[in-house]
Amino acid sequence: MLAQLTFYKNQIYGREAEALSDLAGRVGAKAVKGFDQISGTVVAESQLVPAGTNFKGEVFLTASNSALTPTMTLNGNTIKVDAATGRGILDFKANARESEYDKDGQVKRKFTATIKYKDGGEEKEVEVPYEYTVVKPTIQVGLNAVSALYLNCANNLKIDVPTLGAAYRPTFTVSGGKSIPGASTGDVVIVPDQRSVKVAVASGGANIGSVDFAARQVPIPNFKLQINGKDYDDKQGLTSAPSSVSLTLVVDEDFRRGYPDDARFFVTKGEVQLARGRTAVRRIPISGRTRNVDLSQIRAIAKKGDRIVVEVQEITRYNFENQPQPITFVDRRTMSIN
């Protein structure tokens, strides 16, 4: 019986030793065995990191063990360690100054991560150096199929930085005009008020770069007279004075198609005269937005040989915000009554 009890006692001590050994391993009191060398490793999502985006990766012991609970630092600052995997999480913004980029738009960066762990009660430390490359983002601009912006017009731009991908959260600062946010990411309306325009692009608070544009005046429309919806023919003249005349401004087709909300032109200042010899028999002033002029006063007194002279002194374009943009415009047309 005594021998049997002794056997059971030894079995219990054996199980106790196994349990204590397991618990010691879990708290790091047991030495790490089975590894000749323990080193740290950095794994990044990419070694090419566009400026303005975050460097993302992991730093960890290549011989990691569930018994270890390492602490990790990056350049002296503590970083988060995943309790389940023992891996440190690297997540910081990569930046570079314009002057640092080489001819290929790249600049090398280095950092050193430090891993501290306990091996059999002894604290050990591993330094992990790492090098990555910051890439200068490329700004791509899509613009209404024209090569320049138009002054005081809604120039719809699509400004994209493909290398940023889903991290692209742009803001735009305009010198020489103003910007209006568009409906989608990268969409922006630029309204220049100067001939030179600079659009600075940032993403998530980090400066990306800028794009320079030249802004030009809108195309001046052609002026013509119409009677009853038909162009006045200088060769045929008029058989009698009409009841009205239309002051038609023919807008450049490319501009009208690309900027429909900015292509509204009106004659806003001028005069219509009934001329007889060298004398102006009747004058009808033109002021404000005018498309048609009532000629009933002239029609009542006009005679054969008289002339109807239309003089335009100003036209006005109304832009997308319905703001008037006066344009100096001088033209003189004569209609002869045969």
Protein backbone atom coordinates (compact mmCIF):
# COMPACT_ATOMS: atom_id res chain seq x y z
CA MET A 1 0.00 0.00 0.00
CA LEU A 2 2.85 2.42 0.88
CA ALA A 3 4.49 1.78 -2.49
CA GLN A 4 1.22 2.53 -4.25
CA LEU A 5 0.82 5.84 -2.40
CA THR A 6 4.41 6.80 -3.22
CA PHE A 7 3.73 6.15 -6.90
CA TYR A 8 0.68 8.40 -6.86
CA LYS A 9 2.65 11.10 -4.99
CA ASN A 10 5.36 11.13 -7.64
CA GLN A 11 2.74 11.35 -10.38
CA ILE A 12 1.20 14.40 -8.69
CA TYR A 13 4.63 16.10 -8.31
CA GLY A 14 5.30 15.46 -11.99
CA ARG A 15 2.03 17.08 -13.04
CA GLU A 16 2.73 20.00 -10.68
CA ALA A 17 6.15 20.57 -12.27
CA GLU A 18 4.61 20.60 -15.74
CA ALA A 19 1.96 23.11 -14.66
CA LEU A 20 4.52 25.40 -13.00
CA SER A 21 6.75 25.21 -16.07
CA ASP A 22 3.85 26.17 -18.29
CA LEU A 23 2.90 29.11 -16.06
CA ALA A 24 6.52 30.28 -15.92
CA GLY A 25 6.69 30.26 -19.70
CA ARG A 26 3.55 32.35 -19.94
CA VAL A 27 4.95 35.09 -17.70
CA GLY A 28 8.43 35.06 -19.30
CA ALA A 29 10.19 33.49 -16.31
CA LYS A 30 11.24 30.54 -18.39
CA ALA A 31 14.13 31.01 -20.84
CA VAL A 32 13.36 31.10 -24.54
CA LYS A 33 14.73 27.90 -25.97
CA GLY A 34 15.04 26.47 -29.43
CA PHE A 35 16.30 29.68 -31.07
CA ASP A 36 19.98 30.37 -31.62
CA GLN A 37 19.37 33.99 -32.62
CA ILE A 38 16.53 36.38 -31.99
CA SER A 39 16.23 39.39 -34.25
CA GLY A 40 13.61 41.98 -35.07
CA THR A 41 11.96 42.55 -38.43
CA VAL A 42 10.04 45.41 -40.01
CA VAL A 43 7.41 44.56 -42.60
CA ALA A 44 5.93 47.57 -44.43
CA GLU A 45 2.91 47.68 -46.71
CA SER A 46 5.23 49.31 -49.24
CA GLN A 47 8.76 50.68 -49.28
CA LEU A 48 7.58 53.45 -51.60
CA VAL A 49 5.57 55.92 -49.53
CA PRO A 50 4.00 58.96 -51.24
CA ALA A 51 4.50 62.19 -49.29
CA GLY A 52 1.38 63.10 -47.36
CA THR A 53 0.44 59.47 -46.68
CA ASN A 54 1.14 57.29 -43.66
CA PHE A 55 3.98 54.79 -43.48
CA LYS A 56 2.29 51.57 -42.42
CA GLY A 57 3.88 48.30 -41.39
CA GLU A 58 4.78 45.98 -38.55
CA VAL A 59 7.93 45.46 -36.48
CA PHE A 60 8.33 42.17 -34.61
CA LEU A 61 10.71 39.50 -33.38
CA THR A 62 11.37 36.95 -36.05
CA ALA A 63 11.60 34.29 -33.32
CA SER A 64 8.59 35.51 -31.46
CA ASN A 65 7.11 33.31 -28.76
CA SER A 66 3.79 33.46 -26.96
CA ALA A 67 5.77 33.49 -23.71
CA LEU A 68 7.21 36.90 -24.56
CA THR A 69 5.56 40.23 -23.92
CA PRO A 70 7.96 42.64 -25.63
CA THR A 71 7.83 46.42 -25.43
CA MET A 72 8.73 48.37 -28.54
CA THR A 73 9.79 51.91 -29.36
CA LEU A 74 10.35 53.85 -32.55
CA ASN A 75 12.96 56.60 -32.29
CA GLY A 76 12.41 56.59 -28.53
CA ASN A 77 8.60 56.70 -28.68
CA THR A 78 6.56 53.74 -27.47
CA ILE A 79 4.52 52.02 -30.16
CA LYS A 80 1.47 49.81 -29.84
CA VAL A 81 2.08 46.06 -29.62
CA ASP A 82 -0.61 43.59 -30.66
CA ALA A 83 -1.14 41.35 -27.61
CA ALA A 84 -2.23 38.39 -29.73
CA THR A 85 0.74 38.39 -32.13
CA GLY A 86 3.44 40.27 -30.22
CA ARG A 87 3.94 42.54 -33.21
CA GLY A 88 4.38 46.28 -33.00
CA ILE A 89 2.20 48.45 -35.26
CA LEU A 90 3.97 51.16 -37.26
CA ASP A 91 1.78 54.00 -38.51
CA PHE A 92 3.28 57.45 -39.09
CA LYS A 93 3.14 60.11 -41.78
CA ALA A 94 5.92 60.17 -44.35
CA ASN A 95 6.98 63.66 -45.44
CA ALA A 96 9.69 65.33 -47.47
CA ARG A 97 10.56 68.86 -48.49
CA GLU A 98 10.54 69.80 -52.15
CA SER A 99 14.32 70.36 -52.12
CA GLU A 100 14.99 66.83 -50.83
CA TYR A 101 13.60 64.91 -53.81
CA ASP A 102 16.06 63.57 -56.38
CA LYS A 103 15.57 63.73 -60.15
CA ASP A 104 13.26 60.72 -59.94
CA GLY A 105 11.10 62.36 -57.29
CA GLN A 106 12.29 60.13 -54.45
CA VAL A 107 14.06 60.58 -51.10
CA LYS A 108 15.45 57.90 -48.76
CA ARG A 109 14.36 57.76 -45.13
CA LYS A 110 15.59 55.62 -42.21
CA PHE A 111 14.38 54.75 -38.75
CA THR A 112 15.35 52.36 -35.97
CA ALA A 113 12.82 50.37 -33.95
CA THR A 114 13.85 48.94 -30.57
CA ILE A 115 12.40 45.73 -29.11
CA LYS A 116 12.84 44.84 -25.43
CA TYR A 117 11.93 41.43 -24.02
CA LYS A 118 12.77 39.15 -21.12
CA ASP A 119 14.61 35.89 -21.59
CA GLY A 120 14.74 33.80 -18.41
CA GLY A 121 14.33 36.91 -16.28
CA GLU A 122 17.09 38.73 -18.19
CA GLU A 123 16.00 41.81 -20.16
CA LYS A 124 17.31 41.87 -23.70
CA GLU A 125 17.14 44.49 -26.42
CA VAL A 126 17.11 44.25 -30.22
CA GLU A 127 17.51 47.22 -32.55
CA VAL A 128 15.88 46.99 -35.96
CA PRO A 129 17.07 49.53 -38.57
CA TYR A 130 14.90 50.06 -41.62
CA GLU A 131 15.10 52.13 -44.79
CA TYR A 132 12.21 53.18 -47.01
CA THR A 133 11.63 55.60 -49.87
CA VAL A 134 9.33 58.61 -49.88
CA VAL A 135 7.92 59.21 -53.35
CA LYS A 136 6.86 62.63 -54.58
CA PRO A 137 3.16 62.45 -55.48
CA THR A 138 2.20 63.31 -59.04
CA ILE A 139 -0.70 65.70 -59.46
CA GLN A 140 -2.96 64.98 -62.42
CA VAL A 141 -5.37 67.63 -63.66
CA GLY A 142 -8.38 67.09 -65.88
CA LEU A 143 -9.91 70.27 -67.27
CA ASN A 144 -12.90 70.74 -69.57
CA ALA A 145 -10.73 69.85 -72.60
CA VAL A 146 -9.11 73.29 -72.75
CA SER A 147 -5.52 74.32 -72.05
CA ALA A 148 -6.19 77.39 -69.89
CA LEU A 149 -8.68 78.78 -67.42
CA TYR A 150 -11.11 81.58 -68.24
CA LEU A 151 -11.32 84.67 -66.05
CA ASN A 152 -14.38 84.97 -63.79
CA CYS A 153 -15.78 81.69 -65.06
CA ALA A 154 -16.56 78.34 -63.43
CA ASN A 155 -13.61 76.22 -64.54
CA ASN A 156 -14.43 72.65 -63.54
CA LEU A 157 -11.28 70.74 -62.67
CA LYS A 158 -10.57 67.21 -61.59
CA ILE A 159 -7.36 67.22 -59.53
CA ASP A 160 -6.16 63.76 -58.59
CA VAL A 161 -3.07 62.26 -56.93
CA PRO A 162 -3.20 58.58 -57.99
CA THR A 163 -0.36 57.46 -55.71
CA LEU A 164 -2.40 58.37 -52.62
CA GLY A 165 -5.24 56.04 -53.52
CA ALA A 166 -8.00 55.87 -50.93
CA ALA A 167 -5.94 58.07 -48.58
CA TYR A 168 -6.50 61.06 -50.88
CA ARG A 169 -8.52 63.67 -48.94
CA PRO A 170 -7.79 66.88 -50.83
CA THR A 171 -8.11 70.53 -49.93
CA PHE A 172 -7.31 73.31 -52.39
CA THR A 173 -5.95 76.79 -51.80
CA VAL A 174 -6.10 79.23 -54.71
CA SER A 175 -3.91 82.24 -55.32
CA GLY A 176 -5.33 84.55 -57.97
CA GLY A 177 -8.93 83.43 -57.60
CA LYS A 178 -11.23 81.29 -55.50
CA SER A 179 -12.27 77.65 -55.31
CA ILE A 180 -15.65 76.00 -54.90
CA PRO A 181 -15.75 72.34 -53.74
CA GLY A 182 -17.12 69.85 -56.24
CA ALA A 183 -19.42 66.91 -55.67
CA SER A 184 -16.77 64.17 -55.73
CA THR A 185 -13.28 63.71 -54.34
CA GLY A 186 -10.85 65.81 -56.37
CA ASP A 187 -13.57 67.85 -58.08
CA VAL A 188 -13.13 71.60 -57.68
CA VAL A 189 -14.37 74.73 -59.43
CA ILE A 190 -11.68 77.39 -59.92
CA VAL A 191 -12.83 80.97 -60.52
CA PRO A 192 -9.81 83.11 -61.51
CA ASP A 193 -9.77 86.87 -61.00
CA GLN A 194 -6.15 87.28 -62.13
CA ARG A 195 -4.23 86.19 -65.22
CA SER A 196 -1.92 83.91 -63.18
CA VAL A 197 -3.47 81.29 -60.91
CA LYS A 198 -1.77 78.86 -58.53
CA VAL A 199 -3.71 75.96 -57.01
CA ALA A 200 -2.02 74.43 -53.95
CA VAL A 201 -3.01 70.82 -53.25
CA ALA A 202 -2.97 69.23 -49.80
CA SER A 203 -4.25 65.90 -48.51
CA GLY A 204 -5.03 65.13 -44.90
CA GLY A 205 -3.24 68.33 -43.89
CA ALA A 206 -0.01 67.42 -45.72
CA ASN A 207 1.14 69.61 -48.58
CA ILE A 208 1.33 67.73 -51.88
CA GLY A 209 2.33 70.42 -54.36
CA SER A 210 0.82 73.06 -56.59
CA VAL A 211 -0.28 73.60 -60.18
CA ASP A 212 0.09 76.86 -62.11
CA PHE A 213 -2.47 78.01 -64.65
CA ALA A 214 -2.78 80.91 -67.04
CA ALA A 215 -6.22 82.54 -67.09
CA ARG A 216 -7.45 84.31 -70.22
CA GLN A 217 -10.28 86.56 -71.22
CA VAL A 218 -13.39 84.92 -72.59
CA PRO A 219 -13.80 85.02 -76.38
CA ILE A 220 -15.59 88.17 -77.58
CA PRO A 221 -18.79 87.26 -79.43
CA ASN A 222 -19.60 88.44 -82.93
CA PHE A 223 -22.34 91.06 -83.30
CA LYS A 224 -25.01 91.00 -85.99
CA LEU A 225 -28.45 92.45 -86.68
CA GLN A 226 -31.50 90.33 -87.33
CA ILE A 227 -34.90 91.28 -88.70
CA ASN A 228 -37.75 88.85 -88.04
CA GLY A 229 -35.25 86.13 -87.13
CA LYS A 230 -33.13 86.56 -90.27
CA ASP A 231 -29.72 88.17 -90.64
CA TYR A 232 -29.78 91.63 -92.17
CA ASP A 233 -28.36 91.55 -95.72
CA ASP A 234 -26.24 94.61 -96.56
CA LYS A 235 -26.60 93.98 -100.28
CA GLN A 236 -30.40 93.92 -100.27
CA GLY A 237 -31.10 96.55 -97.62
CA LEU A 238 -34.67 97.22 -96.36
CA THR A 239 -37.80 98.01 -98.33
CA SER A 240 -39.23 99.75 -95.27
CA ALA A 241 -38.37 100.39 -91.64
CA PRO A 242 -38.98 97.26 -89.51
CA SER A 243 -40.99 97.30 -86.30
CA SER A 244 -38.03 95.94 -84.29
CA VAL A 245 -34.45 94.80 -84.62
CA SER A 246 -32.68 92.00 -82.75
CA LEU A 247 -29.19 92.64 -81.40
CA THR A 248 -27.61 89.21 -81.67
CA LEU A 249 -24.32 88.21 -80.07
CA VAL A 250 -22.90 85.02 -81.53
CA VAL A 251 -20.83 83.22 -78.87
CA ASP A 252 -17.74 81.17 -79.69
CA GLU A 253 -19.07 77.62 -80.05
CA ASP A 254 -16.31 75.90 -78.07
CA PHE A 255 -16.74 78.35 -75.19
CA ARG A 256 -20.52 78.04 -75.21
CA ARG A 257 -20.31 74.24 -75.16
CA GLY A 258 -17.69 74.10 -72.40
CA TYR A 259 -19.06 76.94 -70.25
CA PRO A 260 -22.82 77.12 -70.82
CA ASP A 261 -23.50 78.94 -67.54
CA ASP A 262 -20.88 81.58 -68.35
CA ALA A 263 -21.81 82.21 -71.97
CA ARG A 264 -24.72 84.65 -71.57
CA PHE A 265 -24.00 87.92 -73.38
CA PHE A 266 -26.20 91.00 -73.78
CA VAL A 267 -25.86 94.41 -75.40
CA THR A 268 -26.10 96.79 -72.42
CA LYS A 269 -25.23 100.21 -73.82
CA GLY A 270 -25.63 101.92 -77.19
CA GLU A 271 -28.03 103.80 -79.43
CA VAL A 272 -30.24 103.37 -82.49
CA GLN A 273 -30.60 106.37 -84.81
CA LEU A 274 -32.75 107.20 -87.79
CA ALA A 275 -30.31 109.12 -89.98
CA ARG A 276 -31.41 111.34 -92.86
CA GLY A 277 -28.45 112.80 -94.71
CA ARG A 278 -26.10 113.98 -91.98
CA THR A 279 -28.84 114.52 -89.44
CA ALA A 280 -30.04 112.12 -86.75
CA VAL A 281 -33.83 112.48 -87.02
CA ARG A 282 -34.62 110.18 -84.07
CA ARG A 283 -32.50 108.55 -81.33
CA ILE A 284 -33.41 105.52 -79.25
CA PRO A 285 -30.99 104.87 -76.36
CA ILE A 286 -30.00 101.33 -75.39
CA SER A 287 -29.39 100.60 -71.71
CA GLY A 288 -29.58 97.44 -69.65
CA ARG A 289 -29.82 93.90 -70.96
CA THR A 290 -31.18 94.28 -74.46
CA ARG A 291 -31.90 91.70 -77.11
CA ASN A 292 -34.57 93.50 -79.12
CA VAL A 293 -35.12 97.21 -79.80
CA ASP A 294 -38.62 98.53 -80.55
CA LEU A 295 -38.40 100.66 -83.73
CA SER A 296 -42.02 101.82 -83.82
CA GLN A 297 -40.90 105.45 -83.27
CA ILE A 298 -38.57 105.21 -86.26
CA ARG A 299 -40.98 103.24 -88.43
CA ALA A 300 -43.61 105.97 -88.15
CA ILE A 301 -41.37 108.67 -89.68
CA ALA A 302 -38.85 106.73 -91.81
CA LYS A 303 -38.58 107.50 -95.56
CA LYS A 304 -36.81 105.90 -98.48
CA GLY A 305 -33.14 106.83 -98.47
CA ASP A 306 -33.01 107.01 -94.68
CA ARG A 307 -30.62 104.85 -92.69
CA ILE A 308 -31.07 103.02 -89.40
CA VAL A 309 -27.77 103.16 -87.57
CA VAL A 310 -27.16 100.77 -84.64
CA GLU A 311 -24.22 101.68 -82.44
CA VAL A 312 -23.08 99.33 -79.66
CA GLN A 313 -20.83 100.79 -76.94
CA GLU A 314 -20.84 98.00 -74.35
CA ILE A 315 -21.78 94.37 -73.93
CA THR A 316 -22.06 92.49 -70.64
CA ARG A 317 -21.50 88.84 -69.87
CA TYR A 318 -23.35 87.31 -66.92
CA ASN A 319 -21.38 84.50 -65.33
CA PHE A 320 -22.44 81.32 -63.53
CA GLU A 321 -23.15 83.33 -60.36
CA ASN A 322 -25.23 85.81 -62.39
CA GLN A 323 -22.63 88.51 -61.79
CA PRO A 324 -22.28 91.07 -64.59
CA GLN A 325 -18.92 91.30 -66.35
CA PRO A 326 -18.97 94.49 -68.51
CA ILE A 327 -16.91 94.33 -71.72
CA THR A 328 -15.89 97.36 -73.75
CA PHE A 329 -17.24 96.72 -77.20
CA VAL A 330 -17.56 99.23 -80.02
CA ASP A 331 -19.42 98.34 -83.21
CA ARG A 332 -21.54 100.27 -85.66
CA ARG A 333 -23.96 98.78 -88.19
CA THR A 334 -26.09 100.58 -90.76
CA MET A 335 -29.30 99.36 -92.39
CA SER A 336 -30.39 101.23 -95.52
CA ILE A 337 -34.05 101.81 -96.44
CA ASN A 338 -34.33 101.59 -100.22
